[in-house]
Amino acid sequence: MPPALRALVVDDHPLFRYGLAAALAAASDLEVVGEASGGTMAVEMAAALHPDVVVMDLNMPDLGGVEATRRIVAHDPAVRVLVLTMFDDDDSVFAAMRAGALGYLLKAARPQQIVRAVRAVAEGEAIFSPGIAVRLLAYFGTTAKSKVEAFPELTAREREVLRLMADGRGNAAIARVLVLSPKTVRNHVSNILRKLHVADRAQAVSRAKEAGLGDESGHIGTTGP
C-alpha cells in the first residue's frame, strides 16, 4: 500500500481550518501533518515538514498566500500548492499561478471535491474550480487579450518604475523618463521593495526579470543615471 499523501493546511480562520483538516484526515490515503494560521508559519512548517501538498488560503494577516506560495515552491519545487480561497477574481487566480500554485479552488467546494483536488495536485495535475477553468480557457483562447500583467500587487506606476529598474535605469533616469521628481521615484522604489517582500533593488530586478520585464538587450544591472 503506498504511503499516505502528506498535507499541510493553511488558513487563518480556526473553525474552517479545523473542519478542512478533519475532512482531509478522514480520507484513508491522506495525512494532515500540520496546520498553519498564517503565511509565515506556513513557509516555516513546509520547510520543516516537507508535505506533498499545501492547501493554501490567500487572504491572511501576516503574509499573504501568494507570497507564501512563492517562497514554499522556491524552497522546494516538489511541494504542490492547492489554493483554497473565497476570491475568484482574475488577479488573484493569475497571481497564485505565477507564484507556483498548481490548483485553485473556491471554499464553496464540497469536501469530497477538495480531497480529490489534493490527490490530483499531488500527482502534478492542474485543478481549478469549474467557473475559473471556463474563464481560463476563454482567456487563453482569445488572442486579442494582452499578456497577463505581472505583479498585480503593484500600481500601474510602480510597474512602470520596476520595468525601468529592470532595464538598468537608475533613479535619476527613471525620474526623467516618467517626468517625476527624484523623491517620488525613491518613494515608488521603496513601495516596490515592500510589496514584493525583497530586501534590495537587486532582488526586485531579479524578480522583474523572472516575470519577463525589462530590456531584452541584456544590460540589466547597470545603475547609472
Protein backbone atom coordinates (compact mmCIF):
# COMPACT_ATOMS: atom_id res chain seq x y z
CA MET A 1 0.00 0.00 0.00
CA PRO A 2 1.51 3.38 -0.98
CA PRO A 3 2.27 5.86 1.80
CA ALA A 4 -0.39 8.43 2.63
CA LEU A 5 -0.15 11.83 0.98
CA ARG A 6 1.09 14.41 3.47
CA ALA A 7 -0.92 17.63 3.58
CA LEU A 8 -0.34 20.95 5.32
CA VAL A 9 -3.48 23.06 5.89
CA VAL A 10 -3.09 26.86 5.92
CA ASP A 11 -5.95 29.18 6.91
CA ASP A 12 -6.27 31.96 9.47
CA HIS A 13 -9.85 31.03 10.44
CA PRO A 14 -9.59 28.34 13.16
CA LEU A 15 -13.00 26.75 12.61
CA PHE A 16 -12.58 26.47 8.85
CA ARG A 17 -9.02 25.18 9.26
CA TYR A 18 -10.16 22.57 11.77
CA GLY A 19 -13.02 21.40 9.56
CA LEU A 20 -10.82 21.20 6.48
CA ALA A 21 -8.12 19.26 8.33
CA ALA A 22 -10.76 16.84 9.62
CA ALA A 23 -12.19 16.32 6.13
CA LEU A 24 -8.75 15.56 4.71
CA ALA A 25 -7.76 13.30 7.60
CA ALA A 26 -10.93 11.27 7.09
CA ALA A 27 -9.59 10.09 3.73
CA SER A 28 -7.62 6.87 4.18
CA ASP A 29 -4.85 7.95 1.78
CA LEU A 30 -4.30 11.43 3.25
CA GLU A 31 -2.44 12.52 6.36
CA VAL A 32 -2.59 16.06 7.76
CA VAL A 33 0.93 16.71 9.02
CA GLY A 34 0.32 20.25 10.23
CA GLU A 35 -1.92 23.29 10.40
CA ALA A 36 -0.72 26.88 9.95
CA SER A 37 -2.68 30.01 10.82
CA GLY A 38 -0.72 32.35 8.55
CA GLY A 39 1.64 32.59 5.62
CA THR A 40 4.84 32.98 7.63
CA MET A 41 4.04 29.91 9.69
CA ALA A 42 3.17 28.02 6.51
CA VAL A 43 6.58 28.74 4.97
CA GLU A 44 8.35 27.59 8.13
CA MET A 45 6.24 24.45 8.53
CA ALA A 46 6.56 23.49 4.86
CA ALA A 47 10.35 23.69 5.15
CA ALA A 48 10.33 21.57 8.31
CA LEU A 49 7.64 19.01 7.44
CA HIS A 50 8.11 18.54 3.67
CA PRO A 51 4.42 17.97 2.86
CA ASP A 52 3.33 16.65 -0.52
CA VAL A 53 0.57 19.25 -0.78
CA VAL A 54 -0.09 22.59 0.91
CA VAL A 55 -3.74 23.66 0.94
CA MET A 56 -3.34 27.44 0.99
CA ASP A 57 -5.69 30.32 1.80
CA LEU A 58 -4.87 33.64 0.15
CA ASN A 59 -6.04 36.39 2.48
CA MET A 60 -4.06 36.20 5.72
CA PRO A 61 -2.93 38.99 8.03
CA ASP A 62 0.82 38.38 8.29
CA LEU A 63 1.93 37.06 4.90
CA GLY A 64 -0.49 36.54 2.04
CA GLY A 65 -0.98 33.17 0.40
CA VAL A 66 0.50 34.26 -2.93
CA GLU A 67 3.82 35.27 -1.39
CA ALA A 68 3.80 32.23 0.93
CA THR A 69 3.25 30.00 -2.12
CA ARG A 70 6.13 31.64 -3.96
CA ARG A 71 8.50 31.10 -1.04
CA ILE A 72 7.43 27.50 -0.45
CA VAL A 73 7.80 26.49 -4.09
CA ALA A 74 11.10 28.36 -4.43
CA HIS A 75 12.48 26.47 -1.42
CA ASP A 76 11.17 23.07 -2.51
CA PRO A 77 9.69 22.75 -6.02
CA ALA A 78 8.47 19.23 -5.15
CA VAL A 79 5.82 20.69 -2.83
CA ARG A 80 2.49 21.18 -4.61
CA VAL A 81 0.22 24.06 -3.62
CA LEU A 82 -3.57 23.96 -3.89
CA VAL A 83 -5.14 27.36 -3.28
CA LEU A 84 -8.47 27.24 -1.42
CA THR A 85 -9.97 30.70 -1.12
CA MET A 86 -13.07 32.87 -1.39
CA PHE A 87 -11.50 35.05 -4.11
CA ASP A 88 -12.31 34.17 -7.71
CA ASP A 89 -11.12 37.36 -9.43
CA ASP A 90 -8.66 37.07 -12.29
CA ASP A 91 -5.90 38.99 -10.49
CA SER A 92 -5.90 36.54 -7.58
CA VAL A 93 -6.00 33.49 -9.86
CA PHE A 94 -3.14 34.62 -12.09
CA ALA A 95 -1.05 35.84 -9.14
CA ALA A 96 -1.38 32.42 -7.49
CA MET A 97 -0.45 30.64 -10.72
CA ARG A 98 2.60 32.85 -11.24
CA ALA A 99 3.66 32.11 -7.66
CA GLY A 100 3.63 28.40 -8.41
CA ALA A 101 0.21 27.14 -7.31
CA LEU A 102 -0.93 24.08 -9.25
CA GLY A 103 -4.60 24.20 -8.28
CA TYR A 104 -7.19 26.83 -7.40
CA LEU A 105 -10.49 26.00 -5.70
CA LEU A 106 -13.13 28.14 -4.03
CA LYS A 107 -14.16 27.50 -0.45
CA ALA A 108 -17.66 26.68 -1.66
CA ALA A 109 -16.28 23.38 -2.96
CA ARG A 110 -17.59 20.25 -1.28
CA PRO A 111 -15.19 18.31 0.99
CA GLN A 112 -15.00 15.40 -1.45
CA GLN A 113 -14.05 17.82 -4.24
CA ILE A 114 -11.24 19.22 -2.12
CA VAL A 115 -9.98 15.73 -1.30
CA ARG A 116 -9.98 14.79 -4.99
CA ALA A 117 -8.16 18.03 -5.82
CA VAL A 118 -5.45 17.33 -3.22
CA ARG A 119 -4.87 13.90 -4.76
CA ALA A 120 -4.77 15.32 -8.29
CA VAL A 121 -2.40 18.16 -7.40
CA ALA A 122 -0.11 15.68 -5.64
CA GLU A 123 0.12 13.83 -8.98
CA GLY A 124 1.05 17.03 -10.79
CA GLU A 125 -2.35 17.81 -12.30
CA ALA A 126 -3.63 21.38 -12.57
CA ILE A 127 -7.04 21.67 -10.90
CA PHE A 128 -9.44 24.63 -10.98
CA SER A 129 -12.98 25.32 -9.85
CA PRO A 130 -15.35 24.97 -12.85
CA GLY A 131 -16.09 28.68 -13.21
CA ILE A 132 -12.41 29.59 -13.03
CA ALA A 133 -11.49 26.87 -15.53
CA VAL A 134 -14.02 28.26 -18.03
CA ARG A 135 -12.57 31.76 -17.67
CA LEU A 136 -9.00 30.48 -18.08
CA LEU A 137 -9.94 28.63 -21.26
CA ALA A 138 -11.64 31.76 -22.58
CA TYR A 139 -8.63 33.87 -21.68
CA PHE A 140 -6.00 31.68 -23.30
CA GLY A 141 -8.23 31.05 -26.29
CA THR A 142 -8.55 34.76 -27.04
CA THR A 143 -5.59 36.13 -28.95
CA ALA A 144 -6.82 39.70 -28.70
CA LYS A 145 -6.12 39.84 -25.00
CA SER A 146 -2.79 41.19 -23.85
CA LYS A 147 -0.28 39.30 -21.79
CA VAL A 148 -1.18 38.85 -18.12
CA GLU A 149 0.29 41.78 -16.20
CA ALA A 150 2.94 40.72 -13.74
CA PHE A 151 2.84 41.79 -10.08
CA PRO A 152 -0.83 42.72 -9.65
CA GLU A 153 0.00 43.92 -6.13
CA LEU A 154 1.79 46.92 -7.69
CA THR A 155 0.09 50.01 -9.06
CA ALA A 156 0.43 50.79 -12.76
CA ARG A 157 3.00 53.50 -11.97
CA GLU A 158 5.00 51.16 -9.72
CA ARG A 159 5.10 48.58 -12.53
CA GLU A 160 6.44 51.27 -14.87
CA VAL A 161 9.16 52.09 -12.35
CA LEU A 162 10.01 48.40 -11.86
CA ARG A 163 10.19 47.87 -15.62
CA LEU A 164 12.65 50.75 -15.94
CA MET A 165 14.64 49.38 -12.98
CA ALA A 166 14.85 46.08 -14.84
CA ASP A 167 16.10 47.99 -17.89
CA GLY A 168 19.06 49.09 -15.77
CA ARG A 169 17.89 52.66 -15.21
CA GLY A 170 18.90 54.50 -12.04
CA ASN A 171 16.51 56.71 -10.11
CA ALA A 172 17.60 59.88 -11.90
CA ALA A 173 16.97 58.34 -15.32
CA ILE A 174 13.61 56.97 -14.21
CA ALA A 175 12.64 60.42 -12.97
CA ARG A 176 13.49 61.92 -16.37
CA VAL A 177 11.65 59.27 -18.36
CA LEU A 178 8.47 59.44 -16.27
CA VAL A 179 8.73 63.20 -15.60
CA LEU A 180 8.72 62.70 -11.83
CA SER A 181 10.73 64.18 -9.02
CA PRO A 182 13.63 62.07 -7.67
CA LYS A 183 11.86 61.92 -4.30
CA THR A 184 8.72 60.48 -5.90
CA VAL A 185 10.80 57.83 -7.68
CA ARG A 186 12.50 56.91 -4.39
CA ASN A 187 9.09 56.52 -2.78
CA HIS A 188 7.94 54.27 -5.61
CA VAL A 189 11.07 52.14 -5.31
CA SER A 190 10.55 51.78 -1.55
CA ASN A 191 6.93 50.72 -2.13
CA ILE A 192 8.03 48.16 -4.73
CA LEU A 193 10.57 46.58 -2.37
CA ARG A 194 7.98 46.42 0.41
CA LYS A 195 5.20 44.96 -1.73
CA LEU A 196 7.46 42.36 -3.35
CA HIS A 197 8.95 41.43 0.05
CA VAL A 198 12.51 41.84 -1.21
CA ALA A 199 15.49 43.26 0.65
CA ASP A 200 17.03 45.46 -2.01
CA ARG A 201 16.92 46.76 -5.57
CA ALA A 202 18.89 43.83 -6.98
CA GLN A 203 16.32 41.34 -5.72
CA ALA A 204 13.49 43.42 -7.17
CA VAL A 205 15.24 43.48 -10.55
CA SER A 206 15.74 39.71 -10.36
CA ARG A 207 12.02 39.19 -9.70
CA ALA A 208 11.18 41.51 -12.59
CA LYS A 209 13.45 39.59 -14.98
CA GLU A 210 11.87 36.30 -13.93
CA ALA A 211 8.48 37.78 -14.84
CA GLY A 212 9.72 38.88 -18.27
CA LEU A 213 10.06 42.60 -17.56
CA GLY A 214 12.97 44.64 -18.76
CA ASP A 215 15.03 45.22 -21.88
CA GLU A 216 15.83 42.12 -23.95
CA SER A 217 19.29 43.53 -24.76
CA GLY A 218 20.72 42.24 -21.53
CA HIS A 219 22.14 45.38 -19.94
CA ILE A 220 20.34 44.66 -16.69
CA GLY A 221 22.15 45.51 -13.54
CA THR A 222 23.69 48.82 -14.55
CA THR A 223 22.97 51.55 -12.07
CA GLY A 224 23.95 54.63 -13.99
CA PRO A 225 21.66 57.63 -14.25
